[in-house]
C-alpha atoms as a PDB file:
ATOM      1  CA  UNK A   1      11.051 -12.775  -3.824  1.00  0.00           C
ATOM      2  CA  UNK A   2       8.343 -12.513  -1.956  1.00  0.00           C
ATOM      3  CA  UNK A   3       8.408 -11.111   1.601  1.00  0.00           C
ATOM      4  CA  UNK A   4       6.872 -13.542   3.916  1.00  0.00           C
ATOM      5  CA  UNK A   5       4.151 -12.785   5.952  1.00  0.00           C
ATOM      6  CA  UNK A   6       2.330  -9.191   5.812  1.00  0.00           C
ATOM      7  CA  UNK A   7       3.509  -7.194   8.136  1.00  0.00           C
ATOM      8  CA  UNK A   8       0.571  -5.753  10.390  1.00  0.00           C
ATOM      9  CA  UNK A   9       0.474  -2.321   9.070  1.00  0.00           C
ATOM     10  CA  UNK A  10       0.470  -3.696   5.490  1.00  0.00           C
ATOM     11  CA  UNK A  11      -2.547  -4.552   3.060  1.00  0.00           C
ATOM     12  CA  UNK A  12      -2.853  -7.731   0.474  1.00  0.00           C
ATOM     13  CA  UNK A  13      -5.585  -7.692  -1.891  1.00  0.00           C
ATOM     14  CA  UNK A  14      -6.781 -10.505  -3.249  1.00  0.00           C
ATOM     15  CA  UNK A  15      -8.343  -9.741  -6.889  1.00  0.00           C
ATOM     16  CA  UNK A  16     -11.097 -12.376  -9.080  1.00  0.00           C
ATOM     17  CA  UNK A  17     -10.608 -11.735 -12.450  1.00  0.00           C
ATOM     18  CA  UNK A  18     -13.777 -12.004 -14.380  1.00  0.00           C
ATOM     19  CA  UNK A  19     -14.085 -11.271 -18.111  1.00  0.00           C
ATOM     20  CA  UNK A  20     -16.617  -8.218 -17.377  1.00  0.00           C
ATOM     21  CA  UNK A  21     -16.011  -7.259 -13.747  1.00  0.00           C
ATOM     22  CA  UNK A  22     -13.554  -8.165 -11.128  1.00  0.00           C
ATOM     23  CA  UNK A  23     -14.059  -8.672  -7.258  1.00  0.00           C
ATOM     24  CA  UNK A  24     -11.887  -6.976  -4.646  1.00  0.00           C
ATOM     25  CA  UNK A  25     -10.892  -8.081  -0.650  1.00  0.00           C
ATOM     26  CA  UNK A  26      -8.472  -5.865   1.443  1.00  0.00           C
ATOM     27  CA  UNK A  27      -6.834  -7.871   4.016  1.00  0.00           C
ATOM     28  CA  UNK A  28      -4.516  -6.188   6.962  1.00  0.00           C
ATOM     29  CA  UNK A  29      -2.021  -7.710   8.474  1.00  0.00           C
ATOM     30  CA  UNK A  30      -4.095  -9.078  11.614  1.00  0.00           C
ATOM     31  CA  UNK A  31      -6.006 -11.329   8.875  1.00  0.00           C
ATOM     32  CA  UNK A  32      -9.602  -8.475   9.205  1.00  0.00           C
ATOM     33  CA  UNK A  33     -11.027  -7.958   5.661  1.00  0.00           C
ATOM     34  CA  UNK A  34     -10.982  -4.040   5.782  1.00  0.00           C
ATOM     35  CA  UNK A  35     -12.386  -3.964   2.521  1.00  0.00           C
ATOM     36  CA  UNK A  36     -14.730  -5.893  -0.622  1.00  0.00           C
ATOM     37  CA  UNK A  37     -15.363  -4.101  -4.223  1.00  0.00           C
ATOM     38  CA  UNK A  38     -16.287  -4.935  -7.731  1.00  0.00           C
ATOM     39  CA  UNK A  39     -15.169  -2.811 -10.623  1.00  0.00           C
ATOM     40  CA  UNK A  40     -15.284  -3.544 -14.348  1.00  0.00           C
ATOM     41  CA  UNK A  41     -12.302  -5.148 -15.730  1.00  0.00           C
ATOM     42  CA  UNK A  42     -10.923  -2.253 -17.672  1.00  0.00           C
ATOM     43  CA  UNK A  43      -6.954  -0.877 -17.438  1.00  0.00           C
ATOM     44  CA  UNK A  44      -8.646   2.377 -16.468  1.00  0.00           C
ATOM     45  CA  UNK A  45     -10.958   0.886 -13.529  1.00  0.00           C
ATOM     46  CA  UNK A  46      -7.737  -1.492 -12.651  1.00  0.00           C
ATOM     47  CA  UNK A  47      -5.997   1.978 -12.067  1.00  0.00           C
ATOM     48  CA  UNK A  48      -9.339   3.631 -10.112  1.00  0.00           C
ATOM     49  CA  UNK A  49      -9.541   0.991  -7.652  1.00  0.00           C
ATOM     50  CA  UNK A  50      -5.552   0.322  -6.765  1.00  0.00           C
ATOM     51  CA  UNK A  51      -4.335   3.262  -7.129  1.00  0.00           C
ATOM     52  CA  UNK A  52      -6.248   4.857  -3.949  1.00  0.00           C
ATOM     53  CA  UNK A  53      -4.036   2.383  -1.842  1.00  0.00           C
ATOM     54  CA  UNK A  54      -0.739   2.736  -0.725  1.00  0.00           C
ATOM     55  CA  UNK A  55       2.196   0.359  -1.948  1.00  0.00           C
ATOM     56  CA  UNK A  56       0.464  -3.422  -1.159  1.00  0.00           C
ATOM     57  CA  UNK A  57       0.386  -7.294  -1.965  1.00  0.00           C
ATOM     58  CA  UNK A  58      -2.224  -8.078  -4.667  1.00  0.00           C
ATOM     59  CA  UNK A  59      -2.568 -11.524  -5.282  1.00  0.00           C
ATOM     60  CA  UNK A  60      -4.623 -12.658  -8.579  1.00  0.00           C
ATOM     61  CA  UNK A  61      -5.060 -16.220 -10.241  1.00  0.00           C
ATOM     62  CA  UNK A  62      -3.401 -17.395 -13.635  1.00  0.00           C
ATOM     63  CA  UNK A  63      -6.488 -16.243 -16.379  1.00  0.00           C
ATOM     64  CA  UNK A  64      -7.021 -14.809 -19.614  1.00  0.00           C
ATOM     65  CA  UNK A  65      -6.701 -11.033 -18.427  1.00  0.00           C
ATOM     66  CA  UNK A  66      -3.301 -12.035 -15.530  1.00  0.00           C
ATOM     67  CA  UNK A  67      -1.073 -10.883 -18.160  1.00  0.00           C
ATOM     68  CA  UNK A  68      -2.188  -7.561 -18.499  1.00  0.00           C
ATOM     69  CA  UNK A  69      -3.479  -7.194 -15.210  1.00  0.00           C
ATOM     70  CA  UNK A  70      -0.677  -7.733 -13.512  1.00  0.00           C
ATOM     71  CA  UNK A  71       1.634  -5.586 -16.135  1.00  0.00           C
ATOM     72  CA  UNK A  72      -0.745  -2.939 -14.370  1.00  0.00           C
ATOM     73  CA  UNK A  73      -0.765  -3.716 -10.745  1.00  0.00           C
ATOM     74  CA  UNK A  74       2.839  -3.644 -10.848  1.00  0.00           C
ATOM     75  CA  UNK A  75       2.813  -0.290 -12.459  1.00  0.00           C
ATOM     76  CA  UNK A  76       1.038   1.195  -9.653  1.00  0.00           C
ATOM     77  CA  UNK A  77       3.721  -0.129  -7.624  1.00  0.00           C
ATOM     78  CA  UNK A  78       2.616  -3.128  -5.217  1.00  0.00           C
ATOM     79  CA  UNK A  79       3.809  -6.401  -5.411  1.00  0.00           C
ATOM     80  CA  UNK A  80       2.376  -8.375  -7.660  1.00  0.00           C
ATOM     81  CA  UNK A  81       1.647 -12.513  -6.620  1.00  0.00           C
ATOM     82  CA  UNK A  82      -0.264 -14.535  -9.691  1.00  0.00           C
ATOM     83  CA  UNK A  83      -0.894 -17.873  -7.999  1.00  0.00           C
ATOM     84  CA  UNK A  84      -0.992 -21.055 -10.421  1.00  0.00           C
ATOM     85  CA  UNK A  85      -4.715 -22.578 -10.259  1.00  0.00           C
ATOM     86  CA  UNK A  86      -3.518 -25.790  -9.467  1.00  0.00           C
ATOM     87  CA  UNK A  87      -2.044 -24.776  -5.424  1.00  0.00           C
ATOM     88  CA  UNK A  88      -4.904 -22.701  -4.863  1.00  0.00           C
ATOM     89  CA  UNK A  89      -7.275 -25.851  -4.551  1.00  0.00           C
ATOM     90  CA  UNK A  90      -8.772 -23.876  -1.560  1.00  0.00           C
ATOM     91  CA  UNK A  91     -10.853 -22.015  -4.484  1.00  0.00           C
ATOM     92  CA  UNK A  92     -11.618 -24.222  -6.508  1.00  0.00           C
ATOM     93  CA  UNK A  93     -12.894 -26.902  -4.321  1.00  0.00           C
ATOM     94  CA  UNK A  94     -14.732 -24.389  -2.666  1.00  0.00           C
ATOM     95  CA  UNK A  95     -18.583 -24.942  -1.529  1.00  0.00           C
ATOM     96  CA  UNK A  96     -19.243 -21.067  -1.057  1.00  0.00           C
ATOM     97  CA  UNK A  97     -17.699 -20.496  -4.288  1.00  0.00           C
ATOM     98  CA  UNK A  98     -18.482 -16.545  -5.154  1.00  0.00           C
ATOM     99  CA  UNK A  99     -16.365 -14.009  -6.392  1.00  0.00           C
ATOM    100  CA  UNK A 100     -15.986 -11.639  -3.341  1.00  0.00           C
ATOM    101  CA  UNK A 101     -15.058 -15.513  -1.166  1.00  0.00           C
ATOM    102  CA  UNK A 102     -12.787 -15.969  -4.062  1.00  0.00           C
ATOM    103  CA  UNK A 103     -11.110 -12.340  -3.785  1.00  0.00           C
ATOM    104  CA  UNK A 104     -10.683 -12.799  -0.117  1.00  0.00           C
ATOM    105  CA  UNK A 105      -8.828 -16.432  -0.246  1.00  0.00           C
ATOM    106  CA  UNK A 106      -6.550 -15.208  -2.746  1.00  0.00           C
ATOM    107  CA  UNK A 107      -5.826 -12.019  -0.244  1.00  0.00           C
ATOM    108  CA  UNK A 108      -5.400 -14.032   2.997  1.00  0.00           C
ATOM    109  CA  UNK A 109      -3.412 -16.747   1.127  1.00  0.00           C
ATOM    110  CA  UNK A 110      -1.642 -14.359   0.188  1.00  0.00           C
ATOM    111  CA  UNK A 111      -1.250 -12.224   2.942  1.00  0.00           C
ATOM    112  CA  UNK A 112       0.366 -15.618   4.592  1.00  0.00           C
ATOM    113  CA  UNK A 113       3.112 -17.078   1.947  1.00  0.00           C
ATOM    114  CA  UNK A 114       2.960 -16.661  -1.452  1.00  0.00           C
ATOM    115  CA  UNK A 115       5.337 -19.286  -2.094  1.00  0.00           C
ATOM    116  CA  UNK A 116       2.230 -22.422  -1.445  1.00  0.00           C
ATOM    117  CA  UNK A 117       0.627 -20.510  -4.413  1.00  0.00           C
ATOM    118  CA  UNK A 118       3.242 -21.909  -6.411  1.00  0.00           C
ATOM    119  CA  UNK A 119       3.055 -17.973  -8.289  1.00  0.00           C
ATOM    120  CA  UNK A 120       4.329 -17.365 -11.955  1.00  0.00           C
ATOM    121  CA  UNK A 121       5.330 -14.773 -13.609  1.00  0.00           C
ATOM    122  CA  UNK A 122       4.031 -13.691 -17.121  1.00  0.00           C
ATOM    123  CA  UNK A 123       5.505 -12.324 -19.885  1.00  0.00           C
ATOM    124  CA  UNK A 124       6.287  -8.463 -20.709  1.00  0.00           C
ATOM    125  CA  UNK A 125       4.039  -6.933 -23.192  1.00  0.00           C
ATOM    126  CA  UNK A 126       5.702  -7.166 -26.488  1.00  0.00           C
ATOM    127  CA  UNK A 127       6.807 -10.634 -25.718  1.00  0.00           C
ATOM    128  CA  UNK A 128       3.278 -11.622 -25.993  1.00  0.00           C
ATOM    129  CA  UNK A 129       2.591  -9.876 -28.491  1.00  0.00           C
ATOM    130  CA  UNK A 130       5.022 -11.461 -30.484  1.00  0.00           C
ATOM    131  CA  UNK A 131       3.666 -15.235 -29.164  1.00  0.00           C
ATOM    132  CA  UNK A 132      -0.014 -14.026 -30.619  1.00  0.00           C
ATOM    133  CA  UNK A 133       1.415 -12.968 -33.891  1.00  0.00           C
ATOM    134  CA  UNK A 134       3.270 -16.195 -34.054  1.00  0.00           C
ATOM    135  CA  UNK A 135       0.565 -17.719 -33.547  1.00  0.00           C
ATOM    136  CA  UNK A 136       1.771 -19.428 -30.884  1.00  0.00           C
ATOM    137  CA  UNK A 137      -0.872 -18.223 -28.581  1.00  0.00           C
ATOM    138  CA  UNK A 138      -4.530 -17.282 -29.084  1.00  0.00           C
ATOM    139  CA  UNK A 139      -6.236 -16.583 -25.618  1.00  0.00           C
ATOM    140  CA  UNK A 140      -4.641 -12.399 -25.441  1.00  0.00           C
ATOM    141  CA  UNK A 141      -6.279  -9.786 -25.640  1.00  0.00           C
ATOM    142  CA  UNK A 142      -5.688  -6.281 -23.434  1.00  0.00           C
ATOM    143  CA  UNK A 143      -9.502  -4.503 -23.332  1.00  0.00           C
ATOM    144  CA  UNK A 144      -9.731  -0.510 -24.451  1.00  0.00           C
ATOM    145  CA  UNK A 145      -8.887   1.982 -21.911  1.00  0.00           C
ATOM    146  CA  UNK A 146     -12.445   3.534 -20.067  1.00  0.00           C
END
């Protein structure tokens, strides 16, 4: 499933998803932060921000926007790791909490061993829509392209 420690030449990208903006941090195979960025939480912005990187491991936490973001990121050819927030206490309990720092922590954890984050796989878009229609899920919405 996950390939283990990211190779020396590969990148791991951590994304801290927000309702309006997403913070990103790119860590190379040796653990150096090579870039930090921020973009609006829209489909088009996700594509612009991540399409400039070759196939990479992208790590994000489960949340309201993680289903559609994970599908979009996978469609760009990246390996997607959706971390269980209960297993990422390092972020929740961190005194230096910021979106940028959270994104960096996700990238660093994902670079080393994604299995430590008890990753989850979201349902497909059609299954998610069926749940919404049936009333079993209520917090799903995918922003319009911009």
